[in-house]
PDB file of N, CA and C in Angstrom:
ATOM      1  N   ARG A   1       7.781   8.256   4.701  1.00  0.00           N
ATOM      2  CA  ARG A   1       8.842   8.092   3.727  1.00  0.00           C
ATOM      3  C   ARG A   1       8.560   8.872   2.453  1.00  0.00           C
ATOM      4  N   PHE A   2       7.283   9.058   2.138  1.00  0.00           N
ATOM      5  CA  PHE A   2       6.966   9.861   0.961  1.00  0.00           C
ATOM      6  C   PHE A   2       7.273  11.328   1.209  1.00  0.00           C
ATOM      7  N   GLY A   3       7.146  11.764   2.457  1.00  0.00           N
ATOM      8  CA  GLY A   3       7.480  13.142   2.802  1.00  0.00           C
ATOM      9  C   GLY A   3       8.947  13.430   2.559  1.00  0.00           C
ATOM     10  N   THR A   4       9.795  12.451   2.837  1.00  0.00           N
ATOM     11  CA  THR A   4      11.228  12.614   2.613  1.00  0.00           C
ATOM     12  C   THR A   4      11.515  12.777   1.126  1.00  0.00           C
ATOM     13  N   ALA A   5      10.868  11.973   0.313  1.00  0.00           N
ATOM     14  CA  ALA A   5      11.066  12.081  -1.138  1.00  0.00           C
ATOM     15  C   ALA A   5      10.591  13.436  -1.648  1.00  0.00           C
ATOM     16  N   ALA A   6       9.477  13.910  -1.118  1.00  0.00           N
ATOM     17  CA  ALA A   6       8.974  15.224  -1.518  1.00  0.00           C
ATOM     18  C   ALA A   6       9.940  16.324  -1.103  1.00  0.00           C
ATOM     19  N   LEU A   7      10.508  16.195   0.086  1.00  0.00           N
ATOM     20  CA  LEU A   7      11.469  17.186   0.565  1.00  0.00           C
ATOM     21  C   LEU A   7      12.704  17.218  -0.326  1.00  0.00           C
ATOM     22  N   ILE A   8      13.208  16.057  -0.701  1.00  0.00           N
ATOM     23  CA  ILE A   8      14.382  15.992  -1.580  1.00  0.00           C
ATOM     24  C   ILE A   8      14.070  16.659  -2.923  1.00  0.00           C
ATOM     25  N   SER A   9      12.897  16.398  -3.465  1.00  0.00           N
ATOM     26  CA  SER A   9      12.508  17.009  -4.737  1.00  0.00           C
ATOM     27  C   SER A   9      12.398  18.519  -4.616  1.00  0.00           C
ATOM     28  N   LEU A  10      11.816  18.976  -3.518  1.00  0.00           N
ATOM     29  CA  LEU A  10      11.649  20.410  -3.303  1.00  0.00           C
ATOM     30  C   LEU A  10      12.993  21.108  -3.159  1.00  0.00           C
ATOM     31  N   ILE A  11      13.901  20.499  -2.409  1.00  0.00           N
ATOM     32  CA  ILE A  11      15.225  21.093  -2.208  1.00  0.00           C
ATOM     33  C   ILE A  11      15.963  21.215  -3.536  1.00  0.00           C
ATOM     34  N   GLY A  12      15.820  20.235  -4.398  1.00  0.00           N
ATOM     35  CA  GLY A  12      16.472  20.297  -5.700  1.00  0.00           C
ATOM     36  C   GLY A  12      15.785  21.243  -6.674  1.00  0.00           C
ATOM     37  N   ALA A  13      14.476  21.446  -6.501  1.00  0.00           N
ATOM     38  CA  ALA A  13      13.716  22.261  -7.454  1.00  0.00           C
ATOM     39  C   ALA A  13      13.859  23.755  -7.209  1.00  0.00           C
ATOM     40  N   VAL A  14      14.011  24.169  -5.973  1.00  0.00           N
ATOM     41  CA  VAL A  14      14.057  25.601  -5.657  1.00  0.00           C
ATOM     42  C   VAL A  14      15.203  26.312  -6.387  1.00  0.00           C
ATOM     43  N   PRO A  15      16.435  25.809  -6.320  1.00  0.00           N
ATOM     44  CA  PRO A  15      17.494  26.491  -7.072  1.00  0.00           C
ATOM     45  C   PRO A  15      17.275  26.462  -8.593  1.00  0.00           C
ATOM     46  N   THR A  16      16.645  25.419  -9.092  1.00  0.00           N
ATOM     47  CA  THR A  16      16.354  25.354 -10.527  1.00  0.00           C
ATOM     48  C   THR A  16      15.366  26.442 -10.923  1.00  0.00           C
ATOM     49  N   LEU A  17      14.368  26.664 -10.075  1.00  0.00           N
ATOM     50  CA  LEU A  17      13.418  27.745 -10.337  1.00  0.00           C
ATOM     51  C   LEU A  17      14.115  29.102 -10.288  1.00  0.00           C
ATOM     52  N   ALA A  18      15.039  29.247  -9.340  1.00  0.00           N
ATOM     53  CA  ALA A  18      15.804  30.496  -9.258  1.00  0.00           C
ATOM     54  C   ALA A  18      16.649  30.681 -10.517  1.00  0.00           C
ATOM     55  N   ALA A  19      17.204  29.594 -11.028  1.00  0.00           N
ATOM     56  CA  ALA A  19      18.015  29.675 -12.247  1.00  0.00           C
ATOM     57  C   ALA A  19      17.163  30.135 -13.428  1.00  0.00           C
ATOM     58  N   ASP A  20      15.931  29.650 -13.495  1.00  0.00           N
ATOM     59  CA  ASP A  20      15.039  30.074 -14.576  1.00  0.00           C
ATOM     60  C   ASP A  20      14.717  31.564 -14.472  1.00  0.00           C
ATOM     61  N   LYS A  21      14.570  32.042 -13.242  1.00  0.00           N
ATOM     62  CA  LYS A  21      14.233  33.451 -13.028  1.00  0.00           C
ATOM     63  C   LYS A  21      15.370  34.362 -13.483  1.00  0.00           C
ATOM     64  N   TYR A  22      16.596  33.918 -13.238  1.00  0.00           N
ATOM     65  CA  TYR A  22      17.759  34.738 -13.581  1.00  0.00           C
ATOM     66  C   TYR A  22      18.467  34.208 -14.831  1.00  0.00           C
ATOM     67  N   ALA A  23      17.707  33.700 -15.778  1.00  0.00           N
ATOM     68  CA  ALA A  23      18.281  33.094 -16.985  1.00  0.00           C
ATOM     69  C   ALA A  23      19.083  34.097 -17.812  1.00  0.00           C
ATOM     70  N   ALA A  24      18.764  35.382 -17.710  1.00  0.00           N
ATOM     71  CA  ALA A  24      19.491  36.395 -18.478  1.00  0.00           C
ATOM     72  C   ALA A  24      20.934  36.522 -18.000  1.00  0.00           C
ATOM     73  N   ASN A  25      21.148  36.310 -16.708  1.00  0.00           N
ATOM     74  CA  ASN A  25      22.496  36.379 -16.146  1.00  0.00           C
ATOM     75  C   ASN A  25      23.046  34.959 -16.092  1.00  0.00           C
ATOM     76  N   GLU A  26      23.909  34.618 -17.021  1.00  0.00           N
ATOM     77  CA  GLU A  26      24.382  33.238 -17.166  1.00  0.00           C
ATOM     78  C   GLU A  26      25.125  32.736 -15.929  1.00  0.00           C
ATOM     79  N   VAL A  27      25.933  33.581 -15.305  1.00  0.00           N
ATOM     80  CA  VAL A  27      26.707  33.163 -14.129  1.00  0.00           C
ATOM     81  C   VAL A  27      25.775  32.824 -12.974  1.00  0.00           C
ATOM     82  N   THR A  28      24.800  33.684 -12.716  1.00  0.00           N
ATOM     83  CA  THR A  28      23.848  33.436 -11.631  1.00  0.00           C
ATOM     84  C   THR A  28      23.029  32.188 -11.910  1.00  0.00           C
ATOM     85  N   SER A  29      22.604  32.025 -13.146  1.00  0.00           N
ATOM     86  CA  SER A  29      21.813  30.862 -13.530  1.00  0.00           C
ATOM     87  C   SER A  29      22.600  29.566 -13.341  1.00  0.00           C
ATOM     88  N   ASP A  30      23.847  29.553 -13.807  1.00  0.00           N
ATOM     89  CA  ASP A  30      24.686  28.359 -13.658  1.00  0.00           C
ATOM     90  C   ASP A  30      24.968  28.055 -12.195  1.00  0.00           C
ATOM     91  N   THR A  31      25.220  29.099 -11.415  1.00  0.00           N
ATOM     92  CA  THR A  31      25.489  28.910  -9.987  1.00  0.00           C
ATOM     93  C   THR A  31      24.279  28.310  -9.290  1.00  0.00           C
ATOM     94  N   ALA A  32      23.094  28.831  -9.579  1.00  0.00           N
ATOM     95  CA  ALA A  32      21.878  28.309  -8.958  1.00  0.00           C
ATOM     96  C   ALA A  32      21.651  26.852  -9.340  1.00  0.00           C
ATOM     97  N   GLU A  33      21.889  26.507 -10.589  1.00  0.00           N
ATOM     98  CA  GLU A  33      21.725  25.114 -11.015  1.00  0.00           C
ATOM     99  C   GLU A  33      22.718  24.202 -10.305  1.00  0.00           C
ATOM    100  N   ASN A  34      23.966  24.646 -10.189  1.00  0.00           N
ATOM    101  CA  ASN A  34      24.985  23.836  -9.511  1.00  0.00           C
ATOM    102  C   ASN A  34      24.673  23.665  -8.034  1.00  0.00           C
ATOM    103  N   VAL A  35      24.201  24.724  -7.396  1.00  0.00           N
ATOM    104  CA  VAL A  35      23.828  24.629  -5.983  1.00  0.00           C
ATOM    105  C   VAL A  35      22.691  23.628  -5.820  1.00  0.00           C
ATOM    106  N   GLY A  36      21.710  23.688  -6.700  1.00  0.00           N
ATOM    107  CA  GLY A  36      20.588  22.758  -6.627  1.00  0.00           C
ATOM    108  C   GLY A  36      21.027  21.319  -6.787  1.00  0.00           C
ATOM    109  N   THR A  37      21.907  21.076  -7.727  1.00  0.00           N
ATOM    110  CA  THR A  37      22.403  19.719  -7.956  1.00  0.00           C
ATOM    111  C   THR A  37      23.195  19.216  -6.757  1.00  0.00           C
ATOM    112  N   ASP A  38      24.123  20.041  -6.266  1.00  0.00           N
ATOM    113  CA  ASP A  38      24.953  19.640  -5.126  1.00  0.00           C
ATOM    114  C   ASP A  38      24.123  19.433  -3.872  1.00  0.00           C
ATOM    115  N   LEU A  39      23.178  20.331  -3.635  1.00  0.00           N
ATOM    116  CA  LEU A  39      22.332  20.217  -2.447  1.00  0.00           C
ATOM    117  C   LEU A  39      21.454  18.977  -2.529  1.00  0.00           C
ATOM    118  N   GLY A  40      20.909  18.713  -3.702  1.00  0.00           N
ATOM    119  CA  GLY A  40      20.089  17.518  -3.884  1.00  0.00           C
ATOM    120  C   GLY A  40      20.871  16.244  -3.644  1.00  0.00           C
ATOM    121  N   GLU A  41      22.110  16.191  -4.131  1.00  0.00           N
ATOM    122  CA  GLU A  41      22.949  15.012  -3.920  1.00  0.00           C
ATOM    123  C   GLU A  41      23.299  14.834  -2.445  1.00  0.00           C
ATOM    124  N   ALA A  42      23.588  15.930  -1.755  1.00  0.00           N
ATOM    125  CA  ALA A  42      23.923  15.851  -0.332  1.00  0.00           C
ATOM    126  C   ALA A  42      22.734  15.362   0.482  1.00  0.00           C
ATOM    127  N   VAL A  43      21.565  15.899   0.200  1.00  0.00           N
ATOM    128  CA  VAL A  43      20.362  15.474   0.922  1.00  0.00           C
ATOM    129  C   VAL A  43      20.045  14.024   0.597  1.00  0.00           C
ATOM    130  N   ASN A  44      20.230  13.623  -0.646  1.00  0.00           N
ATOM    131  CA  ASN A  44      19.999  12.232  -1.044  1.00  0.00           C
ATOM    132  C   ASN A  44      20.873  11.281  -0.244  1.00  0.00           C
ATOM    133  N   THR A  45      22.141  11.641  -0.078  1.00  0.00           N
ATOM    134  CA  THR A  45      23.071  10.802   0.669  1.00  0.00           C
ATOM    135  C   THR A  45      22.649  10.673   2.123  1.00  0.00           C
ATOM    136  N   VAL A  46      22.286  11.785   2.731  1.00  0.00           N
ATOM    137  CA  VAL A  46      21.884  11.770   4.141  1.00  0.00           C
ATOM    138  C   VAL A  46      20.583  11.001   4.320  1.00  0.00           C
ATOM    139  N   MET A  47      19.624  11.223   3.440  1.00  0.00           N
ATOM    140  CA  MET A  47      18.321  10.583   3.589  1.00  0.00           C
ATOM    141  C   MET A  47      18.351   9.102   3.232  1.00  0.00           C
ATOM    142  N   ALA A  48      19.336   8.658   2.471  1.00  0.00           N
ATOM    143  CA  ALA A  48      19.436   7.238   2.134  1.00  0.00           C
ATOM    144  C   ALA A  48      19.579   6.403   3.398  1.00  0.00           C
ATOM    145  N   ASP A  49      20.362   6.896   4.352  1.00  0.00           N
ATOM    146  CA  ASP A  49      20.499   6.187   5.627  1.00  0.00           C
ATOM    147  C   ASP A  49      19.176   6.159   6.375  1.00  0.00           C
ATOM    148  N   TYR A  50      18.460   7.264   6.364  1.00  0.00           N
ATOM    149  CA  TYR A  50      17.174   7.354   7.051  1.00  0.00           C
ATOM    150  C   TYR A  50      16.156   6.399   6.427  1.00  0.00           C
ATOM    151  N   LEU A  51      16.134   6.332   5.119  1.00  0.00           N
ATOM    152  CA  LEU A  51      15.153   5.497   4.429  1.00  0.00           C
ATOM    153  C   LEU A  51      15.448   4.008   4.540  1.00  0.00           C
ATOM    154  N   SER A  52      16.681   3.650   4.871  1.00  0.00           N
ATOM    155  CA  SER A  52      17.034   2.236   4.957  1.00  0.00           C
ATOM    156  C   SER A  52      16.793   1.649   6.348  1.00  0.00           C
ATOM    157  N   ILE A  53      16.255   2.431   7.275  1.00  0.00           N
ATOM    158  CA  ILE A  53      15.974   1.924   8.619  1.00  0.00           C
ATOM    159  C   ILE A  53      14.799   0.946   8.536  1.00  0.00           C
ATOM    160  N   PRO A  54      14.990  -0.291   8.990  1.00  0.00           N
ATOM    161  CA  PRO A  54      13.890  -1.258   8.953  1.00  0.00           C
ATOM    162  C   PRO A  54      12.874  -0.954  10.062  1.00  0.00           C
ATOM    163  N   PRO A  55      11.667  -1.510   9.962  1.00  0.00           N
ATOM    164  CA  PRO A  55      10.697  -1.337  11.043  1.00  0.00           C
ATOM    165  C   PRO A  55      11.289  -1.837  12.356  1.00  0.00           C
ATOM    166  N   THR A  56      10.998  -1.136  13.435  1.00  0.00           N
ATOM    167  CA  THR A  56      11.605  -1.507  14.708  1.00  0.00           C
ATOM    168  C   THR A  56      10.717  -2.414  15.544  1.00  0.00           C
ATOM    169  N   ILE A  57       9.428  -2.494  15.239  1.00  0.00           N
ATOM    170  CA  ILE A  57       8.545  -3.414  15.962  1.00  0.00           C
ATOM    171  C   ILE A  57       7.613  -4.098  14.961  1.00  0.00           C
ATOM    172  N   SER A  58       7.102  -5.234  15.373  1.00  0.00           N
ATOM    173  CA  SER A  58       6.085  -5.934  14.590  1.00  0.00           C
ATOM    174  C   SER A  58       4.896  -6.184  15.496  1.00  0.00           C
ATOM    175  N   VAL A  59       3.712  -5.807  15.032  1.00  0.00           N
ATOM    176  CA  VAL A  59       2.489  -5.967  15.811  1.00  0.00           C
ATOM    177  C   VAL A  59       1.473  -6.675  14.927  1.00  0.00           C
ATOM    178  N   ASN A  60       0.785  -7.633  15.494  1.00  0.00           N
ATOM    179  CA  ASN A  60      -0.251  -8.333  14.738  1.00  0.00           C
ATOM    180  C   ASN A  60      -1.349  -7.366  14.331  1.00  0.00           C
ATOM    181  N   GLN A  61      -1.887  -7.572  13.139  1.00  0.00           N
ATOM    182  CA  GLN A  61      -2.954  -6.720  12.652  1.00  0.00           C
ATOM    183  C   GLN A  61      -4.154  -6.821  13.583  1.00  0.00           C
ATOM    184  N   GLY A  62      -4.712  -5.686  13.954  1.00  0.00           N
ATOM    185  CA  GLY A  62      -5.877  -5.649  14.824  1.00  0.00           C
ATOM    186  C   GLY A  62      -5.545  -5.650  16.300  1.00  0.00           C
ATOM    187  N   ALA A  63      -4.273  -5.792  16.657  1.00  0.00           N
ATOM    188  CA  ALA A  63      -3.878  -5.794  18.064  1.00  0.00           C
ATOM    189  C   ALA A  63      -4.006  -4.387  18.640  1.00  0.00           C
ATOM    190  N   VAL A  64      -4.348  -4.307  19.914  1.00  0.00           N
ATOM    191  CA  VAL A  64      -4.443  -3.023  20.604  1.00  0.00           C
ATOM    192  C   VAL A  64      -3.035  -2.590  20.993  1.00  0.00           C
ATOM    193  N   VAL A  65      -2.699  -1.362  20.652  1.00  0.00           N
ATOM    194  CA  VAL A  65      -1.364  -0.839  20.933  1.00  0.00           C
ATOM    195  C   VAL A  65      -1.512   0.469  21.694  1.00  0.00           C
ATOM    196  N   MET A  66      -0.758   0.604  22.766  1.00  0.00           N
ATOM    197  CA  MET A  66      -0.740   1.859  23.524  1.00  0.00           C
ATOM    198  C   MET A  66       0.661   2.454  23.402  1.00  0.00           C
ATOM    199  N   ILE A  67       0.715   3.730  23.072  1.00  0.00           N
ATOM    200  CA  ILE A  67       1.999   4.404  22.893  1.00  0.00           C
ATOM    201  C   ILE A  67       2.085   5.564  23.870  1.00  0.00           C
ATOM    202  N   ARG A  68       3.178   5.624  24.587  1.00  0.00           N
ATOM    203  CA  ARG A  68       3.435   6.740  25.492  1.00  0.00           C
ATOM    204  C   ARG A  68       4.684   7.454  24.983  1.00  0.00           C
ATOM    205  N   VAL A  69       4.527   8.709  24.640  1.00  0.00           N
ATOM    206  CA  VAL A  69       5.633   9.493  24.091  1.00  0.00           C
ATOM    207  C   VAL A  69       6.385  10.146  25.236  1.00  0.00           C
ATOM    208  N   ASP A  70       7.715   9.991  25.213  1.00  0.00           N
ATOM    209  CA  ASP A  70       8.553  10.499  26.291  1.00  0.00           C
ATOM    210  C   ASP A  70       9.176  11.853  25.951  1.00  0.00           C
ATOM    211  N   ALA A  71       8.843  12.405  24.783  1.00  0.00           N
ATOM    212  CA  ALA A  71       9.413  13.696  24.386  1.00  0.00           C
ATOM    213  C   ALA A  71       8.383  14.456  23.563  1.00  0.00           C
ATOM    214  N   ASP A  72       8.611  15.742  23.394  1.00  0.00           N
ATOM    215  CA  ASP A  72       7.724  16.554  22.573  1.00  0.00           C
ATOM    216  C   ASP A  72       7.879  16.164  21.106  1.00  0.00           C
ATOM    217  N   LEU A  73       6.783  16.203  20.391  1.00  0.00           N
ATOM    218  CA  LEU A  73       6.808  15.910  18.965  1.00  0.00           C
ATOM    219  C   LEU A  73       6.551  17.194  18.191  1.00  0.00           C
ATOM    220  N   ALA A  74       7.230  17.355  17.083  1.00  0.00           N
ATOM    221  CA  ALA A  74       7.008  18.504  16.210  1.00  0.00           C
ATOM    222  C   ALA A  74       6.505  17.988  14.873  1.00  0.00           C
ATOM    223  N   PHE A  75       5.311  18.397  14.490  1.00  0.00           N
ATOM    224  CA  PHE A  75       4.735  17.990  13.214  1.00  0.00           C
ATOM    225  C   PHE A  75       4.858  19.148  12.236  1.00  0.00           C
ATOM    226  N   TYR A  76       5.406  18.867  11.057  1.00  0.00           N
ATOM    227  CA  TYR A  76       5.588  19.908  10.042  1.00  0.00           C
ATOM    228  C   TYR A  76       4.704  19.631   8.876  1.00  0.00           C
TER     229      TYR A  76
END
């Protein structure tokens, strides 16, 4: 869940950094800031559903658990 928060922050920060780079050109700077704001809000809305998913299983602490994955996993 912390990775999701970091991703949302990164998505919002990239256009802001671009706006700082092109600060001399006001139109480009404003556009980059607006894109960053809109993109951040869109990702926030989508991720809110993801973050509200409750735990799907409960296991006693110290219990032995075996997991068999039925699909390929991609770690980023």
